[in-house]
Structure formats: structure tokens, C-alpha cells
Amino acid sequence: MPVALNHIAARAEELGRRLSAQRLNRNLTQRQLADAAAVSINTLRRLEAGDNVSLDTLIRVMEALDLGDRLEALAPPADVRPVDRVRMAAGSERRRATGDGAATATPWTWGSDE
């Protein structure tokens, strides 16, 4: 299912607003943050407006805002490879009873309370 472009644009604008708020919370001007991130001020303005910028720019700005550790949340490392998930699922499948256990049980009869 393709992602709606208006949804992506709204998410980008929200990310830009949040980055701008982080900048303002640190009492930084756009010029100061752009210099710290080694990007142009116009690129920073585009990012804060939610316009399309490179992944490199996003990482640089987040690092300059001391938010680099939050990049892990964007794509956490995979603990289990997909092929391992298939192997684990195959090993945990229920198996059919062989019927050997039923032969050792005493048969139930009417009037038996056991």
C-alpha cells in the first residue's frame, strides 16, 4: 500500500517544527545552528519548514542539537534476522500425537468415577 504524499508532507512539517522548537529551547539562532551543523542557513530553513532535504542534513542538525542518540529510534537494530524467525517458527510447530500415549491409559467405562 503506497503512503499518501500528503501524509508524508504533514510528517515532514511536524518534524521541522519539532527541530525548530529544539533549536529555540537551546537559544540558538538559525545561523548558529546552521554553522554548528555545517549546513547552509537556507538548507536549515528548508528542514524546519518541512521541505525535502538530504538525510545527511537531518543527521548533521540532530547531532548539532545533541539529539544524535535519538536516531536509533528511527530504525532500531534488528535483533533477529527474518530467516531466523522462520527457523524458530518451524521448530515450535505443534506435532500430531502418535497415539502411543492412548494405548497405556485404562479405558473409561460407564459407572466408573475414575
PDB file of N, CA and C in Angstrom:
ATOM      1  N   MET A   1       0.850  -1.168   0.000  1.00  0.00           N
ATOM      2  CA  MET A   1       0.000   0.000   0.000  1.00  0.00           C
ATOM      3  C   MET A   1       0.902   1.240   0.000  1.00  0.00           C
ATOM      4  N   PRO A   2       0.758   2.083  -0.991  1.00  0.00           N
ATOM      5  CA  PRO A   2       1.592   3.291  -1.049  1.00  0.00           C
ATOM      6  C   PRO A   2       1.180   4.283   0.032  1.00  0.00           C
ATOM      7  N   VAL A   3       2.182   4.996   0.505  1.00  0.00           N
ATOM      8  CA  VAL A   3       1.939   6.012   1.530  1.00  0.00           C
ATOM      9  C   VAL A   3       1.472   7.288   0.838  1.00  0.00           C
ATOM     10  N   ALA A   4       0.435   7.898   1.370  1.00  0.00           N
ATOM     11  CA  ALA A   4      -0.110   9.118   0.782  1.00  0.00           C
ATOM     12  C   ALA A   4       0.894  10.258   0.915  1.00  0.00           C
ATOM     13  N   LEU A   5       1.088  10.988  -0.172  1.00  0.00           N
ATOM     14  CA  LEU A   5       2.056  12.080  -0.168  1.00  0.00           C
ATOM     15  C   LEU A   5       1.709  13.171   0.823  1.00  0.00           C
ATOM     16  N   ASN A   6       0.409  13.429   1.016  1.00  0.00           N
ATOM     17  CA  ASN A   6       0.027  14.472   1.969  1.00  0.00           C
ATOM     18  C   ASN A   6       0.365  14.049   3.400  1.00  0.00           C
ATOM     19  N   HIS A   7       0.340  12.754   3.672  1.00  0.00           N
ATOM     20  CA  HIS A   7       0.716  12.242   4.992  1.00  0.00           C
ATOM     21  C   HIS A   7       2.220  12.456   5.218  1.00  0.00           C
ATOM     22  N   ILE A   8       3.001  12.179   4.208  1.00  0.00           N
ATOM     23  CA  ILE A   8       4.454  12.369   4.301  1.00  0.00           C
ATOM     24  C   ILE A   8       4.772  13.845   4.501  1.00  0.00           C
ATOM     25  N   ALA A   9       4.110  14.715   3.748  1.00  0.00           N
ATOM     26  CA  ALA A   9       4.348  16.151   3.877  1.00  0.00           C
ATOM     27  C   ALA A   9       3.985  16.642   5.274  1.00  0.00           C
ATOM     28  N   ALA A  10       2.893  16.144   5.824  1.00  0.00           N
ATOM     29  CA  ALA A  10       2.479  16.549   7.168  1.00  0.00           C
ATOM     30  C   ALA A  10       3.497  16.077   8.208  1.00  0.00           C
ATOM     31  N   ARG A  11       4.010  14.867   8.036  1.00  0.00           N
ATOM     32  CA  ARG A  11       5.022  14.358   8.973  1.00  0.00           C
ATOM     33  C   ARG A  11       6.313  15.166   8.879  1.00  0.00           C
ATOM     34  N   ALA A  12       6.695  15.537   7.660  1.00  0.00           N
ATOM     35  CA  ALA A  12       7.913  16.334   7.463  1.00  0.00           C
ATOM     36  C   ALA A  12       7.759  17.710   8.105  1.00  0.00           C
ATOM     37  N   GLU A  13       6.587  18.315   7.949  1.00  0.00           N
ATOM     38  CA  GLU A  13       6.347  19.624   8.568  1.00  0.00           C
ATOM     39  C   GLU A  13       6.396  19.523  10.091  1.00  0.00           C
ATOM     40  N   GLU A  14       5.828  18.463  10.640  1.00  0.00           N
ATOM     41  CA  GLU A  14       5.848  18.274  12.094  1.00  0.00           C
ATOM     42  C   GLU A  14       7.283  18.071  12.584  1.00  0.00           C
ATOM     43  N   LEU A  15       8.066  17.301  11.861  1.00  0.00           N
ATOM     44  CA  LEU A  15       9.472  17.109  12.229  1.00  0.00           C
ATOM     45  C   LEU A  15      10.224  18.436  12.182  1.00  0.00           C
ATOM     46  N   GLY A  16       9.964  19.228  11.160  1.00  0.00           N
ATOM     47  CA  GLY A  16      10.601  20.542  11.057  1.00  0.00           C
ATOM     48  C   GLY A  16      10.245  21.444  12.218  1.00  0.00           C
ATOM     49  N   ARG A  17       8.966  21.438  12.599  1.00  0.00           N
ATOM     50  CA  ARG A  17       8.527  22.252  13.750  1.00  0.00           C
ATOM     51  C   ARG A  17       9.212  21.789  15.037  1.00  0.00           C
ATOM     52  N   ARG A  18       9.338  20.491  15.195  1.00  0.00           N
ATOM     53  CA  ARG A  18       9.976  19.963  16.409  1.00  0.00           C
ATOM     54  C   ARG A  18      11.460  20.317  16.458  1.00  0.00           C
ATOM     55  N   LEU A  19      12.124  20.222  15.321  1.00  0.00           N
ATOM     56  CA  LEU A  19      13.539  20.601  15.288  1.00  0.00           C
ATOM     57  C   LEU A  19      13.709  22.090  15.566  1.00  0.00           C
ATOM     58  N   SER A  20      12.817  22.900  15.024  1.00  0.00           N
ATOM     59  CA  SER A  20      12.852  24.334  15.286  1.00  0.00           C
ATOM     60  C   SER A  20      12.643  24.608  16.769  1.00  0.00           C
ATOM     61  N   ALA A  21      11.712  23.906  17.403  1.00  0.00           N
ATOM     62  CA  ALA A  21      11.456  24.079  18.832  1.00  0.00           C
ATOM     63  C   ALA A  21      12.680  23.663  19.648  1.00  0.00           C
ATOM     64  N   GLN A  22      13.343  22.602  19.232  1.00  0.00           N
ATOM     65  CA  GLN A  22      14.569  22.178  19.928  1.00  0.00           C
ATOM     66  C   GLN A  22      15.648  23.257  19.816  1.00  0.00           C
ATOM     67  N   ARG A  23      15.754  23.837  18.639  1.00  0.00           N
ATOM     68  CA  ARG A  23      16.733  24.923  18.431  1.00  0.00           C
ATOM     69  C   ARG A  23      16.418  26.095  19.342  1.00  0.00           C
ATOM     70  N   LEU A  24      15.155  26.487  19.384  1.00  0.00           N
ATOM     71  CA  LEU A  24      14.753  27.624  20.207  1.00  0.00           C
ATOM     72  C   LEU A  24      14.924  27.332  21.700  1.00  0.00           C
ATOM     73  N   ASN A  25      14.672  26.088  22.115  1.00  0.00           N
ATOM     74  CA  ASN A  25      14.876  25.718  23.518  1.00  0.00           C
ATOM     75  C   ASN A  25      16.331  25.841  23.933  1.00  0.00           C
ATOM     76  N   ARG A  26      17.222  25.754  22.968  1.00  0.00           N
ATOM     77  CA  ARG A  26      18.649  25.878  23.244  1.00  0.00           C
ATOM     78  C   ARG A  26      19.149  27.314  23.004  1.00  0.00           C
ATOM     79  N   ASN A  27      18.209  28.204  22.740  1.00  0.00           N
ATOM     80  CA  ASN A  27      18.531  29.618  22.490  1.00  0.00           C
ATOM     81  C   ASN A  27      19.532  29.789  21.350  1.00  0.00           C
ATOM     82  N   LEU A  28      19.320  29.038  20.282  1.00  0.00           N
ATOM     83  CA  LEU A  28      20.179  29.140  19.106  1.00  0.00           C
ATOM     84  C   LEU A  28      19.431  29.835  17.980  1.00  0.00           C
ATOM     85  N   THR A  29      20.127  30.660  17.241  1.00  0.00           N
ATOM     86  CA  THR A  29      19.556  31.236  16.028  1.00  0.00           C
ATOM     87  C   THR A  29      19.716  30.201  14.908  1.00  0.00           C
ATOM     88  N   GLN A  30      19.009  30.424  13.818  1.00  0.00           N
ATOM     89  CA  GLN A  30      19.184  29.541  12.667  1.00  0.00           C
ATOM     90  C   GLN A  30      20.625  29.594  12.167  1.00  0.00           C
ATOM     91  N   ARG A  31      21.215  30.759  12.176  1.00  0.00           N
ATOM     92  CA  ARG A  31      22.604  30.915  11.733  1.00  0.00           C
ATOM     93  C   ARG A  31      23.547  30.089  12.613  1.00  0.00           C
ATOM     94  N   GLN A  32      23.357  30.155  13.932  1.00  0.00           N
ATOM     95  CA  GLN A  32      24.225  29.417  14.853  1.00  0.00           C
ATOM     96  C   GLN A  32      24.098  27.905  14.646  1.00  0.00           C
ATOM     97  N   LEU A  33      22.869  27.441  14.499  1.00  0.00           N
ATOM     98  CA  LEU A  33      22.668  26.006  14.293  1.00  0.00           C
ATOM     99  C   LEU A  33      23.199  25.572  12.943  1.00  0.00           C
ATOM    100  N   ALA A  34      22.966  26.369  11.919  1.00  0.00           N
ATOM    101  CA  ALA A  34      23.480  26.038  10.589  1.00  0.00           C
ATOM    102  C   ALA A  34      25.002  25.934  10.616  1.00  0.00           C
ATOM    103  N   ASP A  35      25.653  26.852  11.291  1.00  0.00           N
ATOM    104  CA  ASP A  35      27.114  26.807  11.397  1.00  0.00           C
ATOM    105  C   ASP A  35      27.571  25.577  12.175  1.00  0.00           C
ATOM    106  N   ALA A  36      26.891  25.273  13.280  1.00  0.00           N
ATOM    107  CA  ALA A  36      27.261  24.119  14.103  1.00  0.00           C
ATOM    108  C   ALA A  36      27.058  22.803  13.354  1.00  0.00           C
ATOM    109  N   ALA A  37      26.043  22.770  12.493  1.00  0.00           N
ATOM    110  CA  ALA A  37      25.751  21.555  11.730  1.00  0.00           C
ATOM    111  C   ALA A  37      26.500  21.510  10.410  1.00  0.00           C
ATOM    112  N   ALA A  38      27.191  22.572  10.067  1.00  0.00           N
ATOM    113  CA  ALA A  38      27.917  22.679   8.793  1.00  0.00           C
ATOM    114  C   ALA A  38      26.987  22.524   7.597  1.00  0.00           C
ATOM    115  N   VAL A  39      25.839  23.219   7.680  1.00  0.00           N
ATOM    116  CA  VAL A  39      24.901  23.275   6.550  1.00  0.00           C
ATOM    117  C   VAL A  39      24.604  24.745   6.284  1.00  0.00           C
ATOM    118  N   SER A  40      24.062  25.013   5.116  1.00  0.00           N
ATOM    119  CA  SER A  40      23.722  26.405   4.820  1.00  0.00           C
ATOM    120  C   SER A  40      22.463  26.800   5.585  1.00  0.00           C
ATOM    121  N   ILE A  41      22.314  28.087   5.808  1.00  0.00           N
ATOM    122  CA  ILE A  41      21.133  28.563   6.526  1.00  0.00           C
ATOM    123  C   ILE A  41      19.862  28.289   5.719  1.00  0.00           C
ATOM    124  N   ASN A  42      19.957  28.363   4.398  1.00  0.00           N
ATOM    125  CA  ASN A  42      18.786  28.064   3.567  1.00  0.00           C
ATOM    126  C   ASN A  42      18.388  26.598   3.690  1.00  0.00           C
ATOM    127  N   THR A  43      19.363  25.711   3.800  1.00  0.00           N
ATOM    128  CA  THR A  43      19.064  24.286   3.979  1.00  0.00           C
ATOM    129  C   THR A  43      18.378  24.067   5.319  1.00  0.00           C
ATOM    130  N   LEU A  44      18.868  24.723   6.364  1.00  0.00           N
ATOM    131  CA  LEU A  44      18.239  24.607   7.681  1.00  0.00           C
ATOM    132  C   LEU A  44      16.809  25.147   7.639  1.00  0.00           C
ATOM    133  N   ARG A  45      16.609  26.258   6.962  1.00  0.00           N
ATOM    134  CA  ARG A  45      15.252  26.819   6.840  1.00  0.00           C
ATOM    135  C   ARG A  45      14.320  25.844   6.132  1.00  0.00           C
ATOM    136  N   ARG A  46      14.825  25.188   5.082  1.00  0.00           N
ATOM    137  CA  ARG A  46      14.007  24.197   4.370  1.00  0.00           C
ATOM    138  C   ARG A  46      13.656  23.024   5.286  1.00  0.00           C
ATOM    139  N   LEU A  47      14.632  22.568   6.071  1.00  0.00           N
ATOM    140  CA  LEU A  47      14.378  21.469   7.004  1.00  0.00           C
ATOM    141  C   LEU A  47      13.316  21.860   8.024  1.00  0.00           C
ATOM    142  N   GLU A  48      13.446  23.042   8.606  1.00  0.00           N
ATOM    143  CA  GLU A  48      12.478  23.494   9.613  1.00  0.00           C
ATOM    144  C   GLU A  48      11.099  23.762   9.006  1.00  0.00           C
ATOM    145  N   ALA A  49      11.047  24.009   7.721  1.00  0.00           N
ATOM    146  CA  ALA A  49       9.758  24.215   7.044  1.00  0.00           C
ATOM    147  C   ALA A  49       9.131  22.889   6.603  1.00  0.00           C
ATOM    148  N   GLY A  50       9.890  21.804   6.750  1.00  0.00           N
ATOM    149  CA  GLY A  50       9.367  20.505   6.350  1.00  0.00           C
ATOM    150  C   GLY A  50       9.598  20.183   4.894  1.00  0.00           C
ATOM    151  N   ASP A  51      10.451  20.965   4.239  1.00  0.00           N
ATOM    152  CA  ASP A  51      10.770  20.694   2.840  1.00  0.00           C
ATOM    153  C   ASP A  51      11.771  19.549   2.750  1.00  0.00           C
ATOM    154  N   ASN A  52      11.902  19.027   1.542  1.00  0.00           N
ATOM    155  CA  ASN A  52      12.780  17.893   1.306  1.00  0.00           C
ATOM    156  C   ASN A  52      14.252  18.306   1.413  1.00  0.00           C
ATOM    157  N   VAL A  53      14.978  17.652   2.315  1.00  0.00           N
ATOM    158  CA  VAL A  53      16.421  17.849   2.460  1.00  0.00           C
ATOM    159  C   VAL A  53      17.062  16.468   2.523  1.00  0.00           C
ATOM    160  N   SER A  54      18.376  16.441   2.473  1.00  0.00           N
ATOM    161  CA  SER A  54      19.053  15.148   2.481  1.00  0.00           C
ATOM    162  C   SER A  54      19.069  14.536   3.877  1.00  0.00           C
ATOM    163  N   LEU A  55      19.256  13.236   3.900  1.00  0.00           N
ATOM    164  CA  LEU A  55      19.397  12.518   5.155  1.00  0.00           C
ATOM    165  C   LEU A  55      20.634  13.014   5.900  1.00  0.00           C
ATOM    166  N   ASP A  56      21.678  13.320   5.156  1.00  0.00           N
ATOM    167  CA  ASP A  56      22.902  13.867   5.737  1.00  0.00           C
ATOM    168  C   ASP A  56      22.606  15.147   6.515  1.00  0.00           C
ATOM    169  N   THR A  57      21.779  16.008   5.953  1.00  0.00           N
ATOM    170  CA  THR A  57      21.419  17.268   6.622  1.00  0.00           C
ATOM    171  C   THR A  57      20.675  16.988   7.916  1.00  0.00           C
ATOM    172  N   LEU A  58      19.718  16.082   7.870  1.00  0.00           N
ATOM    173  CA  LEU A  58      18.956  15.750   9.069  1.00  0.00           C
ATOM    174  C   LEU A  58      19.887  15.239  10.166  1.00  0.00           C
ATOM    175  N   ILE A  59      20.801  14.347   9.825  1.00  0.00           N
ATOM    176  CA  ILE A  59      21.724  13.801  10.815  1.00  0.00           C
ATOM    177  C   ILE A  59      22.627  14.894  11.376  1.00  0.00           C
ATOM    178  N   ARG A  60      23.142  15.752  10.505  1.00  0.00           N
ATOM    179  CA  ARG A  60      24.016  16.845  10.962  1.00  0.00           C
ATOM    180  C   ARG A  60      23.295  17.758  11.956  1.00  0.00           C
ATOM    181  N   VAL A  61      22.059  18.115  11.639  1.00  0.00           N
ATOM    182  CA  VAL A  61      21.297  19.020  12.510  1.00  0.00           C
ATOM    183  C   VAL A  61      20.969  18.329  13.829  1.00  0.00           C
ATOM    184  N   MET A  62      20.582  17.070  13.765  1.00  0.00           N
ATOM    185  CA  MET A  62      20.269  16.356  15.007  1.00  0.00           C
ATOM    186  C   MET A  62      21.507  16.214  15.886  1.00  0.00           C
ATOM    187  N   GLU A  63      22.655  15.959  15.282  1.00  0.00           N
ATOM    188  CA  GLU A  63      23.898  15.876  16.052  1.00  0.00           C
ATOM    189  C   GLU A  63      24.239  17.238  16.664  1.00  0.00           C
ATOM    190  N   ALA A  64      24.049  18.305  15.912  1.00  0.00           N
ATOM    191  CA  ALA A  64      24.343  19.646  16.425  1.00  0.00           C
ATOM    192  C   ALA A  64      23.412  20.021  17.572  1.00  0.00           C
ATOM    193  N   LEU A  65      22.215  19.462  17.583  1.00  0.00           N
ATOM    194  CA  LEU A  65      21.254  19.705  18.661  1.00  0.00           C
ATOM    195  C   LEU A  65      21.402  18.694  19.805  1.00  0.00           C
ATOM    196  N   ASP A  66      22.441  17.882  19.747  1.00  0.00           N
ATOM    197  CA  ASP A  66      22.660  16.814  20.734  1.00  0.00           C
ATOM    198  C   ASP A  66      21.499  15.828  20.785  1.00  0.00           C
ATOM    199  N   LEU A  67      20.932  15.553  19.617  1.00  0.00           N
ATOM    200  CA  LEU A  67      19.841  14.587  19.506  1.00  0.00           C
ATOM    201  C   LEU A  67      20.266  13.350  18.712  1.00  0.00           C
ATOM    202  N   GLY A  68      21.539  13.210  18.473  1.00  0.00           N
ATOM    203  CA  GLY A  68      22.035  12.102  17.673  1.00  0.00           C
ATOM    204  C   GLY A  68      21.701  10.737  18.235  1.00  0.00           C
ATOM    205  N   ASP A  69      21.608  10.651  19.566  1.00  0.00           N
ATOM    206  CA  ASP A  69      21.285   9.368  20.180  1.00  0.00           C
ATOM    207  C   ASP A  69      19.856   8.929  19.865  1.00  0.00           C
ATOM    208  N   ARG A  70      19.014   9.851  19.472  1.00  0.00           N
ATOM    209  CA  ARG A  70      17.619   9.513  19.151  1.00  0.00           C
ATOM    210  C   ARG A  70      17.462   8.950  17.747  1.00  0.00           C
ATOM    211  N   LEU A  71      18.517   8.997  16.969  1.00  0.00           N
ATOM    212  CA  LEU A  71      18.453   8.433  15.618  1.00  0.00           C
ATOM    213  C   LEU A  71      18.230   6.925  15.659  1.00  0.00           C
ATOM    214  N   GLU A  72      18.672   6.268  16.723  1.00  0.00           N
ATOM    215  CA  GLU A  72      18.467   4.823  16.860  1.00  0.00           C
ATOM    216  C   GLU A  72      16.980   4.480  16.866  1.00  0.00           C
ATOM    217  N   ALA A  73      16.157   5.374  17.389  1.00  0.00           N
ATOM    218  CA  ALA A  73      14.722   5.113  17.461  1.00  0.00           C
ATOM    219  C   ALA A  73      14.082   5.093  16.077  1.00  0.00           C
ATOM    220  N   LEU A  74      14.705   5.746  15.104  1.00  0.00           N
ATOM    221  CA  LEU A  74      14.140   5.757  13.751  1.00  0.00           C
ATOM    222  C   LEU A  74      14.146   4.379  13.115  1.00  0.00           C
ATOM    223  N   ALA A  75      15.209   3.640  13.348  1.00  0.00           N
ATOM    224  CA  ALA A  75      15.330   2.284  12.807  1.00  0.00           C
ATOM    225  C   ALA A  75      16.163   1.458  13.771  1.00  0.00           C
ATOM    226  N   PRO A  76      15.522   0.930  14.811  1.00  0.00           N
ATOM    227  CA  PRO A  76      16.279   0.166  15.790  1.00  0.00           C
ATOM    228  C   PRO A  76      16.926  -1.053  15.148  1.00  0.00           C
ATOM    229  N   PRO A  77      18.056  -1.485  15.685  1.00  0.00           N
ATOM    230  CA  PRO A  77      18.712  -2.659  15.113  1.00  0.00           C
ATOM    231  C   PRO A  77      17.817  -3.888  15.233  1.00  0.00           C
ATOM    232  N   ALA A  78      17.839  -4.706  14.215  1.00  0.00           N
ATOM    233  CA  ALA A  78      17.031  -5.931  14.224  1.00  0.00           C
ATOM    234  C   ALA A  78      17.721  -6.961  15.101  1.00  0.00           C
ATOM    235  N   ASP A  79      16.989  -7.462  16.088  1.00  0.00           N
ATOM    236  CA  ASP A  79      17.552  -8.464  16.981  1.00  0.00           C
ATOM    237  C   ASP A  79      17.620  -9.830  16.322  1.00  0.00           C
ATOM    238  N   VAL A  80      16.622 -10.132  15.524  1.00  0.00           N
ATOM    239  CA  VAL A  80      16.542 -11.439  14.900  1.00  0.00           C
ATOM    240  C   VAL A  80      16.386 -11.258  13.400  1.00  0.00           C
ATOM    241  N   ARG A  81      17.196 -11.993  12.655  1.00  0.00           N
ATOM    242  CA  ARG A  81      17.088 -11.939  11.200  1.00  0.00           C
ATOM    243  C   ARG A  81      15.809 -12.655  10.757  1.00  0.00           C
ATOM    244  N   PRO A  82      15.208 -12.241   9.649  1.00  0.00           N
ATOM    245  CA  PRO A  82      13.973 -12.883   9.181  1.00  0.00           C
ATOM    246  C   PRO A  82      14.118 -14.389   8.993  1.00  0.00           C
ATOM    247  N   VAL A  83      15.246 -14.838   8.492  1.00  0.00           N
ATOM    248  CA  VAL A  83      15.429 -16.277   8.285  1.00  0.00           C
ATOM    249  C   VAL A  83      15.440 -17.013   9.622  1.00  0.00           C
ATOM    250  N   ASP A  84      15.957 -16.367  10.675  1.00  0.00           N
ATOM    251  CA  ASP A  84      15.944 -16.984  11.995  1.00  0.00           C
ATOM    252  C   ASP A  84      14.527 -17.075  12.544  1.00  0.00           C
ATOM    253  N   ARG A  85      13.691 -16.088  12.234  1.00  0.00           N
ATOM    254  CA  ARG A  85      12.290 -16.140  12.670  1.00  0.00           C
ATOM    255  C   ARG A  85      11.579 -17.336  12.048  1.00  0.00           C
ATOM    256  N   VAL A  86      11.853 -17.594  10.771  1.00  0.00           N
ATOM    257  CA  VAL A  86      11.234 -18.734  10.092  1.00  0.00           C
ATOM    258  C   VAL A  86      11.688 -20.029  10.744  1.00  0.00           C
ATOM    259  N   ARG A  87      12.967 -20.134  11.035  1.00  0.00           N
ATOM    260  CA  ARG A  87      13.503 -21.356  11.668  1.00  0.00           C
ATOM    261  C   ARG A  87      12.899 -21.565  13.055  1.00  0.00           C
ATOM    262  N   MET A  88      12.764 -20.472  13.818  1.00  0.00           N
ATOM    263  CA  MET A  88      12.188 -20.604  15.157  1.00  0.00           C
ATOM    264  C   MET A  88      10.726 -21.035  15.070  1.00  0.00           C
ATOM    265  N   ALA A  89       9.992 -20.488  14.111  1.00  0.00           N
ATOM    266  CA  ALA A  89       8.584 -20.843  13.961  1.00  0.00           C
ATOM    267  C   ALA A  89       8.445 -22.303  13.545  1.00  0.00           C
ATOM    268  N   ALA A  90       9.318 -22.783  12.678  1.00  0.00           N
ATOM    269  CA  ALA A  90       9.254 -24.174  12.229  1.00  0.00           C
ATOM    270  C   ALA A  90       9.548 -25.123  13.382  1.00  0.00           C
ATOM    271  N   GLY A  91      10.443 -24.737  14.267  1.00  0.00           N
ATOM    272  CA  GLY A  91      10.790 -25.590  15.400  1.00  0.00           C
ATOM    273  C   GLY A  91       9.731 -25.617  16.475  1.00  0.00           C
ATOM    274  N   SER A  92       8.856 -24.631  16.509  1.00  0.00           N
ATOM    275  CA  SER A  92       7.846 -24.564  17.559  1.00  0.00           C
ATOM    276  C   SER A  92       6.470 -25.027  17.090  1.00  0.00           C
ATOM    277  N   GLU A  93       6.394 -25.575  15.888  1.00  0.00           N
ATOM    278  CA  GLU A  93       5.101 -26.060  15.400  1.00  0.00           C
ATOM    279  C   GLU A  93       4.650 -27.246  16.230  1.00  0.00           C
ATOM    280  N   ARG A  94       3.350 -27.344  16.457  1.00  0.00           N
ATOM    281  CA  ARG A  94       2.803 -28.472  17.206  1.00  0.00           C
ATOM    282  C   ARG A  94       2.826 -29.706  16.337  1.00  0.00           C
ATOM    283  N   ARG A  95       3.155 -30.799  16.935  1.00  0.00           N
ATOM    284  CA  ARG A  95       3.200 -32.061  16.202  1.00  0.00           C
ATOM    285  C   ARG A  95       2.012 -32.917  16.606  1.00  0.00           C
ATOM    286  N   ARG A  96       1.559 -33.732  15.677  1.00  0.00           N
ATOM    287  CA  ARG A  96       0.433 -34.613  15.920  1.00  0.00           C
ATOM    288  C   ARG A  96       0.844 -35.718  16.884  1.00  0.00           C
ATOM    289  N   ALA A  97      -0.060 -36.056  17.783  1.00  0.00           N
ATOM    290  CA  ALA A  97       0.204 -37.155  18.710  1.00  0.00           C
ATOM    291  C   ALA A  97       0.287 -38.458  17.930  1.00  0.00           C
ATOM    292  N   THR A  98       1.157 -39.348  18.389  1.00  0.00           N
ATOM    293  CA  THR A  98       1.351 -40.616  17.688  1.00  0.00           C
ATOM    294  C   THR A  98       0.318 -41.650  18.078  1.00  0.00           C
ATOM    295  N   GLY A  99      -0.350 -41.477  19.192  1.00  0.00           N
ATOM    296  CA  GLY A  99      -1.331 -42.451  19.620  1.00  0.00           C
ATOM    297  C   GLY A  99      -0.766 -43.434  20.624  1.00  0.00           C
ATOM    298  N   ASP A 100       0.538 -43.452  20.842  1.00  0.00           N
ATOM    299  CA  ASP A 100       1.151 -44.363  21.798  1.00  0.00           C
ATOM    300  C   ASP A 100       0.674 -44.090  23.213  1.00  0.00           C
ATOM    301  N   GLY A 101       0.432 -42.843  23.551  1.00  0.00           N
ATOM    302  CA  GLY A 101       0.004 -42.490  24.897  1.00  0.00           C
ATOM    303  C   GLY A 101      -1.390 -42.997  25.206  1.00  0.00           C
ATOM    304  N   ALA A 102      -2.266 -43.089  24.224  1.00  0.00           N
ATOM    305  CA  ALA A 102      -3.631 -43.533  24.448  1.00  0.00           C
ATOM    306  C   ALA A 102      -3.690 -45.020  24.767  1.00  0.00           C
ATOM    307  N   ALA A 103      -2.778 -45.817  24.273  1.00  0.00           N
ATOM    308  CA  ALA A 103      -2.798 -47.256  24.488  1.00  0.00           C
ATOM    309  C   ALA A 103      -2.479 -47.609  25.931  1.00  0.00           C
ATOM    310  N   THR A 104      -1.745 -46.812  26.636  1.00  0.00           N
ATOM    311  CA  THR A 104      -1.353 -47.123  28.010  1.00  0.00           C
ATOM    312  C   THR A 104      -2.400 -46.696  29.019  1.00  0.00           C
ATOM    313  N   ALA A 105      -3.342 -45.862  28.657  1.00  0.00           N
ATOM    314  CA  ALA A 105      -4.370 -45.411  29.585  1.00  0.00           C
ATOM    315  C   ALA A 105      -5.435 -46.490  29.743  1.00  0.00           C
ATOM    316  N   THR A 106      -6.049 -46.581  30.942  1.00  0.00           N
ATOM    317  CA  THR A 106      -7.127 -47.540  31.149  1.00  0.00           C
ATOM    318  C   THR A 106      -8.394 -46.990  30.525  1.00  0.00           C
ATOM    319  N   PRO A 107      -9.116 -47.837  29.844  1.00  0.00           N
ATOM    320  CA  PRO A 107     -10.329 -47.362  29.173  1.00  0.00           C
ATOM    321  C   PRO A 107     -11.393 -46.964  30.196  1.00  0.00           C
ATOM    322  N   TRP A 108     -12.169 -45.988  29.846  1.00  0.00           N
ATOM    323  CA  TRP A 108     -13.232 -45.484  30.704  1.00  0.00           C
ATOM    324  C   TRP A 108     -14.471 -46.345  30.461  1.00  0.00           C
ATOM    325  N   THR A 109     -15.208 -46.635  31.516  1.00  0.00           N
ATOM    326  CA  THR A 109     -16.457 -47.379  31.360  1.00  0.00           C
ATOM    327  C   THR A 109     -17.557 -46.664  32.133  1.00  0.00           C
ATOM    328  N   TRP A 110     -18.825 -46.960  31.738  1.00  0.00           N
ATOM    329  CA  TRP A 110     -19.973 -46.357  32.427  1.00  0.00           C
ATOM    330  C   TRP A 110     -19.984 -46.782  33.868  1.00  0.00           C
ATOM    331  N   GLY A 111     -20.288 -45.856  34.754  1.00  0.00           N
ATOM    332  CA  GLY A 111     -20.370 -46.124  36.161  1.00  0.00           C
ATOM    333  C   GLY A 111     -19.027 -46.017  36.856  1.00  0.00           C
ATOM    334  N   SER A 112     -17.988 -45.744  36.105  1.00  0.00           N
ATOM    335  CA  SER A 112     -16.663 -45.595  36.704  1.00  0.00           C
ATOM    336  C   SER A 112     -16.473 -44.142  37.057  1.00  0.00           C
ATOM    337  N   ASP A 113     -16.087 -43.863  38.287  1.00  0.00           N
ATOM    338  CA  ASP A 113     -15.874 -42.491  38.726  1.00  0.00           C
ATOM    339  C   ASP A 113     -14.408 -42.074  38.601  1.00  0.00           C
ATOM    340  N   GLU A 114     -13.626 -42.856  38.027  1.00  0.00           N
ATOM    341  CA  GLU A 114     -12.202 -42.558  37.915  1.00  0.00           C
ATOM    342  C   GLU A 114     -11.903 -41.684  36.750  1.00  0.00           C
TER     343      GLU A 114
END
